[in-house]
Amino acid sequence: MWLRVRAAPVSRVRSLALFVAVEVVLVFWIRDSLILNVLTLIYPVE
């Protein structure tokens, strides 16, 4: 028997805030993030 569970709706502002928070933590923790990878792909450092 499968239970139907509805996920709580998440606003765009809340999901954007979560994305930014995760990126900031990753930059300071492991010095890597999705935004930094995209920037180095667009503007490579020689």
PDB file of N, CA and C in Angstrom:
ATOM      1  N   MET A   1       0.846  -1.184   0.000  1.00  0.00           N
ATOM      2  CA  MET A   1       0.000   0.000   0.000  1.00  0.00           C
ATOM      3  C   MET A   1       0.889   1.244   0.000  1.00  0.00           C
ATOM      4  N   TRP A   2       0.680   2.074  -0.979  1.00  0.00           N
ATOM      5  CA  TRP A   2       1.456   3.299  -1.095  1.00  0.00           C
ATOM      6  C   TRP A   2       0.737   4.435  -0.393  1.00  0.00           C
ATOM      7  N   LEU A   3       1.484   5.165   0.361  1.00  0.00           N
ATOM      8  CA  LEU A   3       0.923   6.348   1.009  1.00  0.00           C
ATOM      9  C   LEU A   3       1.217   7.559   0.146  1.00  0.00           C
ATOM     10  N   ARG A   4       0.238   8.366  -0.030  1.00  0.00           N
ATOM     11  CA  ARG A   4       0.452   9.584  -0.810  1.00  0.00           C
ATOM     12  C   ARG A   4       0.798  10.708   0.151  1.00  0.00           C
ATOM     13  N   VAL A   5       2.013  11.168   0.027  1.00  0.00           N
ATOM     14  CA  VAL A   5       2.489  12.244   0.887  1.00  0.00           C
ATOM     15  C   VAL A   5       2.769  13.442   0.011  1.00  0.00           C
ATOM     16  N   ARG A   6       2.163  14.545   0.342  1.00  0.00           N
ATOM     17  CA  ARG A   6       2.401  15.773  -0.411  1.00  0.00           C
ATOM     18  C   ARG A   6       3.551  16.532   0.216  1.00  0.00           C
ATOM     19  N   ALA A   7       4.457  16.961  -0.598  1.00  0.00           N
ATOM     20  CA  ALA A   7       5.559  17.779  -0.109  1.00  0.00           C
ATOM     21  C   ALA A   7       5.047  19.179   0.185  1.00  0.00           C
ATOM     22  N   ALA A   8       5.626  19.772   1.195  1.00  0.00           N
ATOM     23  CA  ALA A   8       5.241  21.137   1.538  1.00  0.00           C
ATOM     24  C   ALA A   8       5.710  22.070   0.428  1.00  0.00           C
ATOM     25  N   PRO A   9       4.880  23.007   0.033  1.00  0.00           N
ATOM     26  CA  PRO A   9       5.297  23.932  -1.019  1.00  0.00           C
ATOM     27  C   PRO A   9       6.434  24.836  -0.533  1.00  0.00           C
ATOM     28  N   VAL A  10       7.419  24.990  -1.379  1.00  0.00           N
ATOM     29  CA  VAL A  10       8.573  25.823  -1.044  1.00  0.00           C
ATOM     30  C   VAL A  10       8.583  26.995  -2.013  1.00  0.00           C
ATOM     31  N   SER A  11       8.659  28.172  -1.476  1.00  0.00           N
ATOM     32  CA  SER A  11       8.645  29.349  -2.334  1.00  0.00           C
ATOM     33  C   SER A  11       9.980  29.492  -3.059  1.00  0.00           C
ATOM     34  N   ARG A  12       9.958  30.252  -4.110  1.00  0.00           N
ATOM     35  CA  ARG A  12      11.191  30.484  -4.867  1.00  0.00           C
ATOM     36  C   ARG A  12      12.209  31.252  -4.045  1.00  0.00           C
ATOM     37  N   VAL A  13      11.732  32.150  -3.220  1.00  0.00           N
ATOM     38  CA  VAL A  13      12.651  32.937  -2.393  1.00  0.00           C
ATOM     39  C   VAL A  13      13.360  32.028  -1.394  1.00  0.00           C
ATOM     40  N   ARG A  14      12.615  31.118  -0.793  1.00  0.00           N
ATOM     41  CA  ARG A  14      13.218  30.213   0.189  1.00  0.00           C
ATOM     42  C   ARG A  14      14.208  29.261  -0.471  1.00  0.00           C
ATOM     43  N   SER A  15      13.882  28.740  -1.642  1.00  0.00           N
ATOM     44  CA  SER A  15      14.810  27.841  -2.319  1.00  0.00           C
ATOM     45  C   SER A  15      16.043  28.592  -2.816  1.00  0.00           C
ATOM     46  N   LEU A  16      15.883  29.827  -3.251  1.00  0.00           N
ATOM     47  CA  LEU A  16      17.035  30.633  -3.648  1.00  0.00           C
ATOM     48  C   LEU A  16      17.920  30.945  -2.447  1.00  0.00           C
ATOM     49  N   ALA A  17      17.311  31.251  -1.315  1.00  0.00           N
ATOM     50  CA  ALA A  17      18.081  31.512  -0.093  1.00  0.00           C
ATOM     51  C   ALA A  17      18.846  30.267   0.339  1.00  0.00           C
ATOM     52  N   LEU A  18      18.231  29.102   0.225  1.00  0.00           N
ATOM     53  CA  LEU A  18      18.914  27.855   0.567  1.00  0.00           C
ATOM     54  C   LEU A  18      20.080  27.599  -0.379  1.00  0.00           C
ATOM     55  N   PHE A  19      19.891  27.848  -1.667  1.00  0.00           N
ATOM     56  CA  PHE A  19      20.967  27.669  -2.644  1.00  0.00           C
ATOM     57  C   PHE A  19      22.148  28.579  -2.331  1.00  0.00           C
ATOM     58  N   VAL A  20      21.866  29.845  -2.051  1.00  0.00           N
ATOM     59  CA  VAL A  20      22.934  30.803  -1.737  1.00  0.00           C
ATOM     60  C   VAL A  20      23.648  30.395  -0.456  1.00  0.00           C
ATOM     61  N   ALA A  21      22.901  29.956   0.546  1.00  0.00           N
ATOM     62  CA  ALA A  21      23.516  29.539   1.810  1.00  0.00           C
ATOM     63  C   ALA A  21      24.433  28.335   1.606  1.00  0.00           C
ATOM     64  N   VAL A  22      24.001  27.373   0.815  1.00  0.00           N
ATOM     65  CA  VAL A  22      24.836  26.197   0.552  1.00  0.00           C
ATOM     66  C   VAL A  22      26.088  26.595  -0.217  1.00  0.00           C
ATOM     67  N   GLU A  23      25.954  27.476  -1.185  1.00  0.00           N
ATOM     68  CA  GLU A  23      27.115  27.922  -1.958  1.00  0.00           C
ATOM     69  C   GLU A  23      28.127  28.652  -1.072  1.00  0.00           C
ATOM     70  N   VAL A  24      27.649  29.497  -0.181  1.00  0.00           N
ATOM     71  CA  VAL A  24      28.554  30.230   0.714  1.00  0.00           C
ATOM     72  C   VAL A  24      29.282  29.268   1.641  1.00  0.00           C
ATOM     73  N   VAL A  25      28.564  28.303   2.187  1.00  0.00           N
ATOM     74  CA  VAL A  25      29.205  27.313   3.062  1.00  0.00           C
ATOM     75  C   VAL A  25      30.249  26.515   2.291  1.00  0.00           C
ATOM     76  N   LEU A  26      29.938  26.114   1.067  1.00  0.00           N
ATOM     77  CA  LEU A  26      30.898  25.350   0.273  1.00  0.00           C
ATOM     78  C   LEU A  26      32.137  26.164  -0.075  1.00  0.00           C
ATOM     79  N   VAL A  27      31.955  27.436  -0.360  1.00  0.00           N
ATOM     80  CA  VAL A  27      33.107  28.283  -0.695  1.00  0.00           C
ATOM     81  C   VAL A  27      34.059  28.373   0.489  1.00  0.00           C
ATOM     82  N   PHE A  28      33.531  28.551   1.678  1.00  0.00           N
ATOM     83  CA  PHE A  28      34.397  28.688   2.845  1.00  0.00           C
ATOM     84  C   PHE A  28      34.903  27.344   3.362  1.00  0.00           C
ATOM     85  N   TRP A  29      34.128  26.267   3.173  1.00  0.00           N
ATOM     86  CA  TRP A  29      34.509  24.982   3.739  1.00  0.00           C
ATOM     87  C   TRP A  29      35.512  24.248   2.850  1.00  0.00           C
ATOM     88  N   ILE A  30      35.162  24.051   1.584  1.00  0.00           N
ATOM     89  CA  ILE A  30      36.047  23.290   0.701  1.00  0.00           C
ATOM     90  C   ILE A  30      36.591  24.125  -0.452  1.00  0.00           C
ATOM     91  N   ARG A  31      36.318  25.407  -0.428  1.00  0.00           N
ATOM     92  CA  ARG A  31      36.795  26.345  -1.452  1.00  0.00           C
ATOM     93  C   ARG A  31      36.399  25.901  -2.861  1.00  0.00           C
ATOM     94  N   ASP A  32      35.168  25.429  -2.980  1.00  0.00           N
ATOM     95  CA  ASP A  32      34.652  25.006  -4.271  1.00  0.00           C
ATOM     96  C   ASP A  32      33.133  25.146  -4.244  1.00  0.00           C
ATOM     97  N   SER A  33      32.564  25.522  -5.361  1.00  0.00           N
ATOM     98  CA  SER A  33      31.113  25.626  -5.452  1.00  0.00           C
ATOM     99  C   SER A  33      30.709  25.627  -6.917  1.00  0.00           C
ATOM    100  N   LEU A  34      29.428  25.498  -7.145  1.00  0.00           N
ATOM    101  CA  LEU A  34      28.911  25.488  -8.513  1.00  0.00           C
ATOM    102  C   LEU A  34      29.161  26.822  -9.197  1.00  0.00           C
ATOM    103  N   ILE A  35      28.970  27.912  -8.481  1.00  0.00           N
ATOM    104  CA  ILE A  35      29.158  29.238  -9.075  1.00  0.00           C
ATOM    105  C   ILE A  35      30.620  29.458  -9.457  1.00  0.00           C
ATOM    106  N   LEU A  36      31.549  29.037  -8.586  1.00  0.00           N
ATOM    107  CA  LEU A  36      32.964  29.175  -8.921  1.00  0.00           C
ATOM    108  C   LEU A  36      33.336  28.312 -10.124  1.00  0.00           C
ATOM    109  N   ASN A  37      32.771  27.119 -10.218  1.00  0.00           N
ATOM    110  CA  ASN A  37      33.052  26.257 -11.370  1.00  0.00           C
ATOM    111  C   ASN A  37      32.542  26.873 -12.663  1.00  0.00           C
ATOM    112  N   VAL A  38      31.379  27.465 -12.633  1.00  0.00           N
ATOM    113  CA  VAL A  38      30.833  28.109 -13.829  1.00  0.00           C
ATOM    114  C   VAL A  38      31.668  29.329 -14.201  1.00  0.00           C
ATOM    115  N   LEU A  39      32.072  30.111 -13.211  1.00  0.00           N
ATOM    116  CA  LEU A  39      32.901  31.287 -13.499  1.00  0.00           C
ATOM    117  C   LEU A  39      34.240  30.902 -14.105  1.00  0.00           C
ATOM    118  N   THR A  40      34.881  29.854 -13.581  1.00  0.00           N
ATOM    119  CA  THR A  40      36.160  29.446 -14.152  1.00  0.00           C
ATOM    120  C   THR A  40      35.990  28.792 -15.517  1.00  0.00           C
ATOM    121  N   LEU A  41      34.813  28.251 -15.803  1.00  0.00           N
ATOM    122  CA  LEU A  41      34.552  27.726 -17.138  1.00  0.00           C
ATOM    123  C   LEU A  41      34.387  28.862 -18.139  1.00  0.00           C
ATOM    124  N   ILE A  42      33.715  29.936 -17.730  1.00  0.00           N
ATOM    125  CA  ILE A  42      33.484  31.073 -18.621  1.00  0.00           C
ATOM    126  C   ILE A  42      34.737  31.931 -18.757  1.00  0.00           C
ATOM    127  N   TYR A  43      35.375  32.232 -17.620  1.00  0.00           N
ATOM    128  CA  TYR A  43      36.581  33.063 -17.607  1.00  0.00           C
ATOM    129  C   TYR A  43      37.734  32.270 -17.003  1.00  0.00           C
ATOM    130  N   PRO A  44      38.411  31.452 -17.800  1.00  0.00           N
ATOM    131  CA  PRO A  44      39.510  30.646 -17.241  1.00  0.00           C
ATOM    132  C   PRO A  44      40.697  31.515 -16.826  1.00  0.00           C
ATOM    133  N   VAL A  45      41.322  31.133 -15.733  1.00  0.00           N
ATOM    134  CA  VAL A  45      42.507  31.833 -15.232  1.00  0.00           C
ATOM    135  C   VAL A  45      43.727  31.131 -15.806  1.00  0.00           C
ATOM    136  N   GLU A  46      44.597  31.908 -16.406  1.00  0.00           N
ATOM    137  CA  GLU A  46      45.773  31.307 -17.035  1.00  0.00           C
ATOM    138  C   GLU A  46      46.988  31.447 -16.180  1.00  0.00           C
TER     139      GLU A  46
END
